[in-house]
Amino acid sequence: MEDLAEIARLLDILGNRNRRRIIGLLRQKPCFVTEISETLMISPKAVIEHLQLMEREEILSCQMDDRRRKYYYLANDILVDVSLRSLQSAITGQEDAAAGNAAGERTRQAVVMLAKMVQAHDQLVAHLEQLNHDIETKLADLARNHNDLFRSERELSVAIALSHEPLTPAELAEATGCPEEELGPILATFEKKGIVSRTKNRITLRGVHADESQQPLR
């Protein structure tokens, strides 16, 4: 029973597509939250939640580098072998033929549905590749031509993290690897330039998730 419970728990973890993508990425190399977010196009907050869940399950572990950034790596990989065994009852004559025809029709419909899904997937991948290219071009443009706006790579990473969704200071620190004591001056500078605002305890990139009724940072 313990083995079955363990298998069920692992299948539940793998049932989430983004967690499978994160595991696949970490099989290649350890990554920071921002690397995972930008590579897989998942919001930093969602990445953090997936990482924390898999860390609790001892699938992942993390370490701090010399710049106090937390990076994650696979502590225990997941290898699952799933097979199907057919249970057949004895059927004869016309019953056997009818069952075969029904199975054949189900197979045909499944193949047609699979083909449609593959075509839709290919179209989405093509659009996503173009979008990723556009994002990389814009990031390069920001880093190269907007030194007056972003004075460091860390400031740029804060802006990128906030472009996904509003975050609390703690979530922003986790997503960027920037200590909260260093975030204060960055956010104060962004507020003076009208880049960010605060709604309750969440920092928002103005003009993206924000509206004019949001209060400035205090």
Protein backbone atom coordinates (compact mmCIF):
# COMPACT_ATOMS: atom_id res chain seq x y z
CA MET A 1 0.00 0.00 0.00
CA GLU A 2 2.85 2.39 0.74
CA ASP A 3 4.25 1.82 -2.77
CA LEU A 4 0.86 2.53 -4.31
CA ALA A 5 0.51 5.71 -2.26
CA GLU A 6 4.00 6.82 -3.34
CA ILE A 7 3.18 6.17 -7.00
CA ALA A 8 -0.11 8.06 -6.69
CA ARG A 9 1.70 11.00 -5.10
CA LEU A 10 4.32 11.13 -7.86
CA LEU A 11 1.70 10.84 -10.58
CA ASP A 12 -0.17 13.73 -9.00
CA ILE A 13 3.01 15.84 -9.15
CA LEU A 14 3.66 14.85 -12.77
CA GLY A 15 0.03 15.51 -13.68
CA ASN A 16 0.86 19.21 -13.93
CA ARG A 17 2.43 20.04 -17.30
CA ASN A 18 4.47 22.98 -15.99
CA ARG A 19 5.99 20.88 -13.23
CA ARG A 20 7.04 18.33 -15.86
CA ARG A 21 8.59 21.15 -17.92
CA ILE A 22 10.48 22.47 -14.87
CA ILE A 23 11.81 18.97 -14.08
CA GLY A 24 12.89 18.60 -17.72
CA LEU A 25 14.74 21.92 -17.59
CA LEU A 26 16.47 21.10 -14.29
CA ARG A 27 17.63 17.77 -15.74
CA GLN A 28 19.82 19.88 -18.02
CA LYS A 29 21.27 22.23 -15.40
CA PRO A 30 20.50 24.01 -12.10
CA CYS A 31 18.49 27.22 -12.62
CA PHE A 32 17.39 30.36 -10.84
CA VAL A 33 13.71 31.25 -10.63
CA THR A 34 14.12 33.95 -13.27
CA GLU A 35 15.86 31.51 -15.65
CA ILE A 36 12.99 29.03 -15.31
CA SER A 37 10.37 31.76 -15.68
CA GLU A 38 11.95 33.28 -18.78
CA THR A 39 12.84 29.96 -20.45
CA LEU A 40 9.45 28.31 -19.94
CA MET A 41 7.35 31.51 -20.09
CA ILE A 42 5.73 30.84 -16.69
CA SER A 43 5.07 33.64 -14.22
CA PRO A 44 7.64 33.86 -11.39
CA LYS A 45 4.93 33.40 -8.76
CA ALA A 46 3.74 30.15 -10.38
CA VAL A 47 7.34 28.96 -10.73
CA ILE A 48 7.96 29.59 -7.03
CA GLU A 49 4.83 27.65 -6.05
CA HIS A 50 5.83 24.65 -8.20
CA LEU A 51 9.41 24.73 -6.87
CA GLN A 52 8.30 24.92 -3.24
CA LEU A 53 5.92 21.98 -3.72
CA MET A 54 8.60 19.81 -5.33
CA GLU A 55 11.15 20.89 -2.71
CA ARG A 56 8.77 19.72 0.04
CA GLU A 57 8.47 16.39 -1.77
CA GLU A 58 12.31 16.16 -1.84
CA ILE A 59 12.37 16.10 -5.65
CA LEU A 60 14.28 19.37 -5.79
CA SER A 61 16.83 21.05 -3.59
CA CYS A 62 18.39 24.51 -3.68
CA GLN A 63 21.59 26.37 -2.83
CA MET A 64 22.67 30.00 -2.61
CA ASP A 65 25.45 31.30 -4.83
CA ASP A 66 28.01 33.97 -3.87
CA ARG A 67 25.55 36.68 -4.96
CA ARG A 68 22.92 35.30 -2.56
CA ARG A 69 20.78 34.05 -5.42
CA LYS A 70 18.93 30.79 -4.86
CA TYR A 71 19.23 28.18 -7.59
CA TYR A 72 17.37 24.88 -7.81
CA TYR A 73 18.49 21.45 -8.97
CA LEU A 74 17.13 17.90 -9.04
CA ALA A 75 17.76 16.13 -5.75
CA ASN A 76 15.86 13.01 -6.81
CA ASP A 77 14.71 12.42 -10.37
CA ILE A 78 11.33 10.85 -11.15
CA LEU A 79 11.29 7.78 -13.34
CA VAL A 80 7.86 6.26 -13.94
CA ASP A 81 7.17 3.16 -16.03
CA VAL A 82 3.50 2.99 -16.93
CA SER A 83 2.07 0.09 -18.92
CA LEU A 84 -1.40 -1.02 -19.90
CA ARG A 85 -2.60 -4.60 -19.63
CA SER A 86 -5.61 -5.63 -21.63
CA LEU A 87 -8.28 -7.65 -19.82
CA GLN A 88 -10.37 -9.56 -22.34
CA SER A 89 -13.47 -11.59 -21.82
CA ALA A 90 -14.27 -14.53 -24.03
CA ILE A 91 -16.53 -13.46 -26.88
CA THR A 92 -17.36 -15.42 -30.01
CA GLY A 93 -18.73 -15.09 -33.51
CA GLN A 94 -20.68 -11.90 -34.22
CA GLU A 95 -19.97 -10.44 -30.79
CA ASP A 96 -16.26 -10.66 -31.52
CA ALA A 97 -16.68 -9.02 -34.93
CA ALA A 98 -18.87 -6.25 -33.53
CA ALA A 99 -16.39 -5.53 -30.79
CA GLY A 100 -13.57 -5.43 -33.34
CA ASN A 101 -15.46 -2.96 -35.53
CA ALA A 102 -16.26 -0.74 -32.54
CA ALA A 103 -12.63 -0.81 -31.45
CA GLY A 104 -11.51 0.05 -34.97
CA GLU A 105 -13.85 3.05 -35.11
CA ARG A 106 -12.65 4.28 -31.73
CA THR A 107 -9.06 3.94 -32.94
CA ARG A 108 -9.82 5.88 -36.12
CA GLN A 109 -11.49 8.69 -34.17
CA ALA A 110 -8.59 8.78 -31.72
CA VAL A 111 -6.08 9.08 -34.58
CA VAL A 112 -8.07 11.91 -36.19
CA MET A 113 -8.25 13.74 -32.85
CA LEU A 114 -4.52 13.22 -32.31
CA ALA A 115 -3.76 14.66 -35.76
CA LYS A 116 -5.84 17.76 -35.00
CA MET A 117 -4.10 18.20 -31.66
CA VAL A 118 -0.66 17.84 -33.27
CA GLN A 119 -1.55 20.44 -35.91
CA ALA A 120 -2.82 22.85 -33.24
CA HIS A 121 0.35 22.21 -31.21
CA ASP A 122 2.57 22.95 -34.21
CA GLN A 123 0.78 26.25 -34.82
CA LEU A 124 1.12 27.25 -31.16
CA VAL A 125 4.83 26.33 -31.15
CA ALA A 126 5.41 28.47 -34.26
CA HIS A 127 3.65 31.44 -32.65
CA LEU A 128 5.51 30.86 -29.37
CA GLU A 129 8.89 30.75 -31.12
CA GLN A 130 8.15 34.06 -32.81
CA LEU A 131 6.98 35.55 -29.52
CA ASN A 132 10.11 34.32 -27.73
CA HIS A 133 12.22 35.91 -30.46
CA ASP A 134 10.35 39.21 -30.09
CA ILE A 135 10.81 39.09 -26.30
CA GLU A 136 14.55 38.44 -26.63
CA THR A 137 14.83 41.32 -29.10
CA LYS A 138 13.00 43.67 -26.75
CA LEU A 139 15.12 42.58 -23.76
CA ALA A 140 18.29 43.21 -25.75
CA ASP A 141 16.93 46.62 -26.77
CA LEU A 142 16.14 47.52 -23.15
CA ALA A 143 19.54 46.41 -21.93
CA ARG A 144 21.37 48.24 -24.73
CA ASN A 145 19.43 51.48 -25.20
CA HIS A 146 17.79 52.24 -21.87
CA ASN A 147 20.64 52.65 -19.43
CA ASP A 148 18.96 55.81 -18.20
CA LEU A 149 15.97 53.71 -17.10
CA PHE A 150 17.67 50.52 -15.87
CA ARG A 151 20.99 51.16 -14.20
CA SER A 152 21.81 47.50 -13.59
CA GLU A 153 20.93 43.98 -14.66
CA ARG A 154 19.16 43.52 -11.32
CA GLU A 155 16.81 46.45 -12.02
CA LEU A 156 15.98 44.94 -15.40
CA SER A 157 15.27 41.54 -13.80
CA VAL A 158 12.86 43.22 -11.36
CA ALA A 159 10.96 44.83 -14.24
CA ILE A 160 10.81 41.52 -16.14
CA ALA A 161 9.47 39.65 -13.09
CA LEU A 162 6.74 42.26 -12.59
CA SER A 163 5.75 42.08 -16.25
CA HIS A 164 4.21 38.65 -15.58
CA GLU A 165 1.95 39.70 -12.69
CA PRO A 166 1.88 41.84 -9.52
CA LEU A 167 4.09 40.42 -6.75
CA THR A 168 4.66 41.05 -3.06
CA PRO A 169 8.17 42.21 -2.04
CA ALA A 170 8.89 38.72 -0.68
CA GLU A 171 7.74 37.05 -3.92
CA LEU A 172 9.75 39.55 -5.95
CA ALA A 173 12.86 38.84 -3.88
CA GLU A 174 12.40 35.10 -4.39
CA ALA A 175 11.77 35.48 -8.13
CA THR A 176 14.77 37.71 -8.82
CA GLY A 177 17.21 36.54 -6.17
CA CYS A 178 17.46 40.14 -5.01
CA PRO A 179 17.48 40.58 -1.19
CA GLU A 180 14.57 42.63 0.11
CA GLU A 181 16.92 45.25 1.54
CA GLU A 182 18.23 45.87 -1.98
CA LEU A 183 14.74 45.86 -3.49
CA GLY A 184 13.70 48.91 -1.45
CA PRO A 185 15.94 51.42 -3.27
CA ILE A 186 15.16 49.84 -6.66
CA LEU A 187 11.40 50.06 -6.11
CA ALA A 188 11.72 53.61 -4.77
CA THR A 189 13.57 54.59 -7.96
CA PHE A 190 10.96 52.87 -10.13
CA GLU A 191 8.17 54.67 -8.26
CA LYS A 192 9.80 58.07 -8.86
CA LYS A 193 10.01 57.27 -12.57
CA GLY A 194 6.38 56.13 -12.66
CA ILE A 195 7.28 52.55 -13.54
CA VAL A 196 5.61 50.80 -10.60
CA SER A 197 2.89 51.33 -8.02
CA ARG A 198 1.52 49.44 -5.01
CA THR A 199 -1.92 47.93 -4.44
CA LYS A 200 -2.08 46.81 -0.82
CA ASN A 201 1.12 44.78 -0.49
CA ARG A 202 1.61 43.96 -4.18
CA ILE A 203 3.98 45.75 -6.52
CA THR A 204 2.54 46.36 -9.99
CA LEU A 205 4.11 47.42 -13.26
CA ARG A 206 2.16 50.54 -14.24
CA GLY A 207 0.34 50.49 -17.54
CA VAL A 208 0.42 46.67 -17.70
CA HIS A 209 -1.54 45.32 -14.73
CA ALA A 210 -2.21 48.69 -13.11
CA ASP A 211 -4.81 51.40 -13.45
CA GLU A 212 -4.64 55.05 -12.52
CA SER A 213 -6.43 54.46 -9.19
CA GLN A 214 -3.52 52.51 -7.71
CA GLN A 215 -1.57 54.14 -4.92
CA PRO A 216 2.15 54.94 -5.19
CA LEU A 217 4.69 53.07 -3.12
CA ARG A 218 5.24 54.22 0.44
